[in-house]
C-alpha atoms as a PDB file:
ATOM      1  CA  MET A   1     215.347  55.739 158.881  1.00  0.00           C
ATOM      2  CA  VAL A   2     218.536  57.280 157.514  1.00  0.00           C
ATOM      3  CA  ASP A   3     218.954  58.083 153.839  1.00  0.00           C
ATOM      4  CA  LEU A   4     222.159  56.426 152.532  1.00  0.00           C
ATOM      5  CA  ARG A   5     221.561  57.274 148.866  1.00  0.00           C
ATOM      6  CA  ARG A   6     224.425  59.534 147.802  1.00  0.00           C
ATOM      7  CA  GLY A   7     222.403  61.279 145.078  1.00  0.00           C
ATOM      8  CA  SER A   8     219.406  62.018 147.310  1.00  0.00           C
ATOM      9  CA  ALA A   9     218.500  65.514 148.495  1.00  0.00           C
ATOM     10  CA  SER A  10     217.942  64.001 151.965  1.00  0.00           C
ATOM     11  CA  PHE A  11     221.254  62.073 152.070  1.00  0.00           C
ATOM     12  CA  GLY A  12     222.475  61.553 155.651  1.00  0.00           C
ATOM     13  CA  ARG A  13     219.251  62.819 157.231  1.00  0.00           C
ATOM     14  CA  TRP A  14     217.084  60.785 159.581  1.00  0.00           C
ATOM     15  CA  TRP A  15     213.410  60.707 160.409  1.00  0.00           C
ATOM     16  CA  GLY A  16     211.309  58.453 162.557  1.00  0.00           C
ATOM     17  CA  VAL A  17     207.797  57.495 163.504  1.00  0.00           C
ATOM     18  CA  GLU A  18     206.203  55.692 166.438  1.00  0.00           C
ATOM     19  CA  LEU A  19     204.523  52.416 165.518  1.00  0.00           C
ATOM     20  CA  SER A  20     202.148  50.940 168.083  1.00  0.00           C
ATOM     21  CA  ALA A  21     199.181  48.654 168.546  1.00  0.00           C
ATOM     22  CA  ALA A  22     197.173  51.774 169.361  1.00  0.00           C
ATOM     23  CA  ASN A  23     197.975  53.780 166.214  1.00  0.00           C
ATOM     24  CA  HIS A  24     198.050  50.824 163.748  1.00  0.00           C
ATOM     25  CA  ARG A  25     200.694  52.518 161.610  1.00  0.00           C
ATOM     26  CA  MET A  26     202.944  50.696 159.185  1.00  0.00           C
ATOM     27  CA  LEU A  27     206.172  51.946 157.676  1.00  0.00           C
ATOM     28  CA  TRP A  28     207.602  51.480 154.204  1.00  0.00           C
ATOM     29  CA  VAL A  29     211.391  51.836 153.991  1.00  0.00           C
ATOM     30  CA  PRO A  30     212.637  52.373 150.417  1.00  0.00           C
ATOM     31  CA  GLU A  31     215.807  50.698 149.186  1.00  0.00           C
ATOM     32  CA  GLY A  32     218.876  52.705 150.178  1.00  0.00           C
ATOM     33  CA  LEU A  33     217.567  53.799 153.576  1.00  0.00           C
ATOM     34  CA  ALA A  34     218.921  52.366 156.817  1.00  0.00           C
ATOM     35  CA  HIS A  35     216.281  51.465 159.363  1.00  0.00           C
ATOM     36  CA  GLY A  36     216.271  50.543 162.996  1.00  0.00           C
ATOM     37  CA  LEU A  37     213.838  50.244 165.828  1.00  0.00           C
ATOM     38  CA  LEU A  38     213.666  50.843 169.533  1.00  0.00           C
ATOM     39  CA  VAL A  39     211.114  48.845 171.524  1.00  0.00           C
ATOM     40  CA  LEU A  40     209.640  51.070 174.222  1.00  0.00           C
ATOM     41  CA  SER A  41     207.489  48.368 175.854  1.00  0.00           C
ATOM     42  CA  ASP A  42     208.329  45.123 177.642  1.00  0.00           C
ATOM     43  CA  SER A  43     207.847  43.187 174.379  1.00  0.00           C
ATOM     44  CA  ALA A  44     206.890  43.755 170.749  1.00  0.00           C
ATOM     45  CA  ASP A  45     205.947  41.817 167.643  1.00  0.00           C
ATOM     46  CA  PHE A  46     207.598  43.207 164.544  1.00  0.00           C
ATOM     47  CA  LEU A  47     206.994  41.906 161.019  1.00  0.00           C
ATOM     48  CA  TYR A  48     208.964  42.671 157.864  1.00  0.00           C
ATOM     49  CA  LYS A  49     207.580  42.476 154.359  1.00  0.00           C
ATOM     50  CA  CYS A  50     210.456  42.518 151.878  1.00  0.00           C
ATOM     51  CA  THR A  51     210.725  43.035 148.140  1.00  0.00           C
ATOM     52  CA  ASP A  52     213.355  40.310 147.751  1.00  0.00           C
ATOM     53  CA  VAL A  53     215.003  37.421 149.576  1.00  0.00           C
ATOM     54  CA  TYR A  54     217.143  38.351 152.619  1.00  0.00           C
ATOM     55  CA  SER A  55     220.813  38.585 151.636  1.00  0.00           C
ATOM     56  CA  PRO A  56     223.239  38.967 154.554  1.00  0.00           C
ATOM     57  CA  ALA A  57     226.064  39.707 152.085  1.00  0.00           C
ATOM     58  CA  HIS A  58     224.303  42.940 151.089  1.00  0.00           C
ATOM     59  CA  GLU A  59     223.415  44.061 154.601  1.00  0.00           C
ATOM     60  CA  ARG A  60     224.973  47.190 156.081  1.00  0.00           C
ATOM     61  CA  THR A  61     224.776  48.230 159.736  1.00  0.00           C
ATOM     62  CA  LEU A  62     224.791  51.916 160.628  1.00  0.00           C
ATOM     63  CA  ALA A  63     225.855  52.857 164.156  1.00  0.00           C
ATOM     64  CA  TRP A  64     222.697  53.704 166.078  1.00  0.00           C
ATOM     65  CA  ASP A  65     224.425  56.549 167.913  1.00  0.00           C
ATOM     66  CA  ASP A  66     226.495  58.148 165.142  1.00  0.00           C
ATOM     67  CA  PRO A  67     226.779  61.812 166.211  1.00  0.00           C
ATOM     68  CA  ALA A  68     227.049  62.907 162.564  1.00  0.00           C
ATOM     69  CA  VAL A  69     223.520  61.581 161.967  1.00  0.00           C
ATOM     70  CA  GLY A  70     222.199  62.699 165.379  1.00  0.00           C
ATOM     71  CA  ILE A  71     219.166  60.449 165.727  1.00  0.00           C
ATOM     72  CA  GLU A  72     217.069  61.596 168.683  1.00  0.00           C
ATOM     73  CA  TRP A  73     216.115  58.221 170.170  1.00  0.00           C
ATOM     74  CA  PRO A  74     213.364  58.480 172.808  1.00  0.00           C
ATOM     75  CA  LEU A  75     215.527  57.036 175.601  1.00  0.00           C
ATOM     76  CA  PRO A  76     215.348  58.236 179.191  1.00  0.00           C
ATOM     77  CA  PRO A  77     218.505  60.133 180.259  1.00  0.00           C
ATOM     78  CA  GLY A  78     221.382  57.803 181.078  1.00  0.00           C
ATOM     79  CA  VAL A  79     219.675  54.701 179.654  1.00  0.00           C
ATOM     80  CA  GLN A  80     221.543  52.692 177.023  1.00  0.00           C
ATOM     81  CA  PRO A  81     219.613  50.345 174.702  1.00  0.00           C
ATOM     82  CA  LYS A  82     220.227  46.600 174.600  1.00  0.00           C
ATOM     83  CA  LEU A  83     221.983  45.989 171.293  1.00  0.00           C
ATOM     84  CA  SER A  84     222.692  42.896 169.230  1.00  0.00           C
ATOM     85  CA  ALA A  85     226.329  42.098 168.420  1.00  0.00           C
ATOM     86  CA  LYS A  86     225.664  43.251 164.851  1.00  0.00           C
ATOM     87  CA  ASP A  87     224.330  46.607 166.064  1.00  0.00           C
ATOM     88  CA  ARG A  88     227.235  47.084 168.481  1.00  0.00           C
ATOM     89  CA  ALA A  89     229.573  46.748 165.454  1.00  0.00           C
ATOM     90  CA  GLY A  90     227.693  49.334 163.359  1.00  0.00           C
ATOM     91  CA  LYS A  91     229.709  51.749 161.221  1.00  0.00           C
ATOM     92  CA  SER A  92     229.525  55.520 161.137  1.00  0.00           C
ATOM     93  CA  CYS A  93     227.717  57.221 158.263  1.00  0.00           C
ATOM     94  CA  ALA A  94     231.127  58.388 157.012  1.00  0.00           C
ATOM     95  CA  ASP A  95     232.430  54.800 156.865  1.00  0.00           C
ATOM     96  CA  ILE A  96     229.401  52.781 155.825  1.00  0.00           C
ATOM     97  CA  GLU A  97     228.976  51.712 152.203  1.00  0.00           C
ATOM     98  CA  LYS A  98     226.515  54.046 150.465  1.00  0.00           C
ATOM     99  CA  PHE A  99     224.033  53.490 147.674  1.00  0.00           C
ATOM    100  CA  PRO A 100     224.530  55.350 144.371  1.00  0.00           C
END
């Protein structure tokens, strides 16, 4: 998750957690935080529970590899993730629309 709330003390910072069938963890992402996931197994089931109806017009896509954010993805050296077209077009933290 990356905090995109301009007025937040943690603005621009990231943090992450491993979710697995073994640890049974769930994650709540507050409004104003970007979120992404990296599947480390051959397949995964991922479910979202949302507070409102999905609205593509309000969606923002942060570049997964923005050096200004510096997310430490658990990728083996030299391995690039498979990205959707939307994720390949992600914007830097400097350029993405922020929350108040």
